[in-house]
Amino acid sequence: MSQAITFEDFTKVDLRVGTIIEVNDFPEARKPAYQLTIDFGDLGIKKSSAQITTLYAKKELLNRQIVAVVNFPKKQIAHFISECLVLGAVNGKDVFLLNPENKVKNGSTVA
């Protein structure tokens, strides 16, 4: 079991919906990954590295809405700067992206 956090701790995490607008291979990553460019509406465009190559082809990721944490510090991965953390459910080596059931406005908060 994970360490318990308070509701106040949870409210510090900024979860938002965005749409993937560009997908590139990331051969420099230690584990197979894509470089994603994501439109978060009024929050702007952010980039992320995501280890989702086992279940998703690049073309099926384009225009797909995802959920991401947008207020973590930037992280350098090889020569790439990741600006947000795309969320997914992990099942072994597979990662299933979390997304809204219906299309919503980019930048919408997740509560």
C-alpha atoms as a PDB file:
ATOM      1  CA  MET A   1       0.000   0.000   0.000  1.00  0.00           C
ATOM      2  CA  SER A   2       1.179   3.516  -0.774  1.00  0.00           C
ATOM      3  CA  GLN A   3       1.836   6.140   1.843  1.00  0.00           C
ATOM      4  CA  ALA A   4      -1.350   8.039   2.764  1.00  0.00           C
ATOM      5  CA  ILE A   5      -1.600  11.678   1.711  1.00  0.00           C
ATOM      6  CA  THR A   6      -4.014  14.371   2.764  1.00  0.00           C
ATOM      7  CA  PHE A   7      -6.695  15.844   0.547  1.00  0.00           C
ATOM      8  CA  GLU A   8      -4.661  19.058   0.646  1.00  0.00           C
ATOM      9  CA  ASP A   9      -1.701  17.142  -0.835  1.00  0.00           C
ATOM     10  CA  PHE A  10      -3.933  15.851  -3.638  1.00  0.00           C
ATOM     11  CA  THR A  11      -5.235  19.330  -4.481  1.00  0.00           C
ATOM     12  CA  LYS A  12      -1.651  20.414  -5.268  1.00  0.00           C
ATOM     13  CA  VAL A  13      -1.551  18.037  -8.253  1.00  0.00           C
ATOM     14  CA  ASP A  14      -2.775  19.840 -11.385  1.00  0.00           C
ATOM     15  CA  LEU A  15      -4.421  17.208 -13.604  1.00  0.00           C
ATOM     16  CA  ARG A  16      -5.544  18.440 -17.015  1.00  0.00           C
ATOM     17  CA  VAL A  17      -6.926  17.094 -20.276  1.00  0.00           C
ATOM     18  CA  GLY A  18      -4.971  17.751 -23.454  1.00  0.00           C
ATOM     19  CA  THR A  19      -4.948  16.627 -27.063  1.00  0.00           C
ATOM     20  CA  ILE A  20      -1.881  15.043 -28.653  1.00  0.00           C
ATOM     21  CA  ILE A  21      -0.989  17.109 -31.716  1.00  0.00           C
ATOM     22  CA  GLU A  22       2.397  15.584 -32.633  1.00  0.00           C
ATOM     23  CA  VAL A  23       4.097  12.221 -32.054  1.00  0.00           C
ATOM     24  CA  ASN A  24       7.748  11.422 -32.755  1.00  0.00           C
ATOM     25  CA  ASP A  25       9.980   8.426 -32.153  1.00  0.00           C
ATOM     26  CA  PHE A  26      12.460   8.804 -29.286  1.00  0.00           C
ATOM     27  CA  PRO A  27      15.375   6.474 -30.113  1.00  0.00           C
ATOM     28  CA  GLU A  28      17.619   8.059 -27.440  1.00  0.00           C
ATOM     29  CA  ALA A  29      15.313   6.950 -24.598  1.00  0.00           C
ATOM     30  CA  ARG A  30      16.554   3.982 -22.524  1.00  0.00           C
ATOM     31  CA  LYS A  31      13.168   2.260 -22.850  1.00  0.00           C
ATOM     32  CA  PRO A  32      11.055   2.514 -26.017  1.00  0.00           C
ATOM     33  CA  ALA A  33       9.107   5.797 -25.914  1.00  0.00           C
ATOM     34  CA  TYR A  34       7.489   8.514 -27.992  1.00  0.00           C
ATOM     35  CA  GLN A  35       7.956  12.259 -27.776  1.00  0.00           C
ATOM     36  CA  LEU A  36       4.497  13.814 -27.540  1.00  0.00           C
ATOM     37  CA  THR A  37       3.421  17.407 -28.153  1.00  0.00           C
ATOM     38  CA  ILE A  38       0.162  18.112 -26.325  1.00  0.00           C
ATOM     39  CA  ASP A  39      -2.277  21.031 -26.594  1.00  0.00           C
ATOM     40  CA  PHE A  40      -3.629  22.046 -23.173  1.00  0.00           C
ATOM     41  CA  GLY A  41      -5.745  24.948 -24.437  1.00  0.00           C
ATOM     42  CA  ASP A  42      -5.224  28.108 -22.368  1.00  0.00           C
ATOM     43  CA  LEU A  43      -2.249  26.443 -20.598  1.00  0.00           C
ATOM     44  CA  GLY A  44      -0.452  26.197 -23.929  1.00  0.00           C
ATOM     45  CA  ILE A  45       1.514  23.464 -25.660  1.00  0.00           C
ATOM     46  CA  LYS A  46       3.615  21.060 -23.569  1.00  0.00           C
ATOM     47  CA  LYS A  47       5.912  18.165 -24.446  1.00  0.00           C
ATOM     48  CA  SER A  48       6.182  14.794 -22.769  1.00  0.00           C
ATOM     49  CA  SER A  49       8.031  11.523 -23.182  1.00  0.00           C
ATOM     50  CA  ALA A  50       5.787   8.479 -22.827  1.00  0.00           C
ATOM     51  CA  GLN A  51       6.626   4.769 -22.756  1.00  0.00           C
ATOM     52  CA  ILE A  52       3.481   3.739 -24.625  1.00  0.00           C
ATOM     53  CA  THR A  53       4.956   2.108 -27.734  1.00  0.00           C
ATOM     54  CA  THR A  54       3.730  -1.429 -26.992  1.00  0.00           C
ATOM     55  CA  LEU A  55       0.021  -0.590 -27.331  1.00  0.00           C
ATOM     56  CA  TYR A  56      -0.122   2.571 -29.445  1.00  0.00           C
ATOM     57  CA  ALA A  57       1.029   3.372 -32.960  1.00  0.00           C
ATOM     58  CA  LYS A  58       1.998   6.985 -33.647  1.00  0.00           C
ATOM     59  CA  LYS A  59      -0.889   7.623 -36.035  1.00  0.00           C
ATOM     60  CA  GLU A  60      -3.532   6.422 -33.558  1.00  0.00           C
ATOM     61  CA  LEU A  61      -2.204   8.818 -30.898  1.00  0.00           C
ATOM     62  CA  LEU A  62      -2.700  11.936 -33.013  1.00  0.00           C
ATOM     63  CA  ASN A  63      -5.740  13.968 -31.904  1.00  0.00           C
ATOM     64  CA  ARG A  64      -6.286  11.651 -28.927  1.00  0.00           C
ATOM     65  CA  GLN A  65      -7.174  13.279 -25.623  1.00  0.00           C
ATOM     66  CA  ILE A  66      -5.137  12.285 -22.581  1.00  0.00           C
ATOM     67  CA  VAL A  67      -4.851  13.190 -18.894  1.00  0.00           C
ATOM     68  CA  ALA A  68      -1.576  14.593 -17.575  1.00  0.00           C
ATOM     69  CA  VAL A  69       0.005  16.198 -14.528  1.00  0.00           C
ATOM     70  CA  VAL A  70       1.032  19.661 -15.717  1.00  0.00           C
ATOM     71  CA  ASN A  71       2.671  21.128 -12.605  1.00  0.00           C
ATOM     72  CA  PHE A  72       5.668  18.852 -12.074  1.00  0.00           C
ATOM     73  CA  PRO A  73       9.091  20.415 -12.659  1.00  0.00           C
ATOM     74  CA  LYS A  74      10.524  19.926 -16.148  1.00  0.00           C
ATOM     75  CA  LYS A  75      12.622  16.776 -16.513  1.00  0.00           C
ATOM     76  CA  GLN A  76      15.438  16.191 -18.970  1.00  0.00           C
ATOM     77  CA  ILE A  77      15.400  12.788 -20.668  1.00  0.00           C
ATOM     78  CA  ALA A  78      18.423  12.449 -22.977  1.00  0.00           C
ATOM     79  CA  HIS A  79      18.296  15.654 -25.096  1.00  0.00           C
ATOM     80  CA  PHE A  80      14.521  16.090 -24.581  1.00  0.00           C
ATOM     81  CA  ILE A  81      12.778  18.224 -21.934  1.00  0.00           C
ATOM     82  CA  SER A  82       9.560  16.665 -20.630  1.00  0.00           C
ATOM     83  CA  GLU A  83       7.137  19.316 -19.345  1.00  0.00           C
ATOM     84  CA  CYS A  84       4.259  17.147 -18.109  1.00  0.00           C
ATOM     85  CA  LEU A  85       3.504  13.560 -17.077  1.00  0.00           C
ATOM     86  CA  VAL A  86       0.977  11.679 -19.195  1.00  0.00           C
ATOM     87  CA  LEU A  87      -1.048   9.281 -17.026  1.00  0.00           C
ATOM     88  CA  GLY A  88      -1.802   5.667 -17.748  1.00  0.00           C
ATOM     89  CA  ALA A  89      -2.750   2.427 -16.061  1.00  0.00           C
ATOM     90  CA  VAL A  90       0.208   0.040 -15.920  1.00  0.00           C
ATOM     91  CA  ASN A  91      -0.414  -3.642 -16.621  1.00  0.00           C
ATOM     92  CA  GLY A  92       2.918  -5.459 -16.790  1.00  0.00           C
ATOM     93  CA  LYS A  93       4.910  -3.738 -19.547  1.00  0.00           C
ATOM     94  CA  ASP A  94       1.807  -2.191 -21.113  1.00  0.00           C
ATOM     95  CA  VAL A  95       0.554   1.304 -20.299  1.00  0.00           C
ATOM     96  CA  PHE A  96      -3.104   2.097 -21.059  1.00  0.00           C
ATOM     97  CA  LEU A  97      -3.610   5.850 -21.442  1.00  0.00           C
ATOM     98  CA  LEU A  98      -6.177   7.566 -19.248  1.00  0.00           C
ATOM     99  CA  ASN A  99      -8.601   9.756 -21.160  1.00  0.00           C
ATOM    100  CA  PRO A 100     -12.037  11.315 -20.767  1.00  0.00           C
ATOM    101  CA  GLU A 101     -14.958   9.225 -21.960  1.00  0.00           C
ATOM    102  CA  ASN A 102     -16.238  12.127 -24.077  1.00  0.00           C
ATOM    103  CA  LYS A 103     -14.325  14.916 -25.818  1.00  0.00           C
ATOM    104  CA  VAL A 104     -13.806  17.907 -23.503  1.00  0.00           C
ATOM    105  CA  LYS A 105     -12.148  21.309 -23.833  1.00  0.00           C
ATOM    106  CA  ASN A 106      -8.347  21.148 -23.783  1.00  0.00           C
ATOM    107  CA  GLY A 107      -7.055  22.322 -20.417  1.00  0.00           C
ATOM    108  CA  SER A 108     -10.105  21.030 -18.530  1.00  0.00           C
ATOM    109  CA  THR A 109      -9.263  20.121 -14.949  1.00  0.00           C
ATOM    110  CA  VAL A 110      -9.569  16.573 -13.636  1.00  0.00           C
ATOM    111  CA  ALA A 111     -10.989  16.251 -10.145  1.00  0.00           C
END
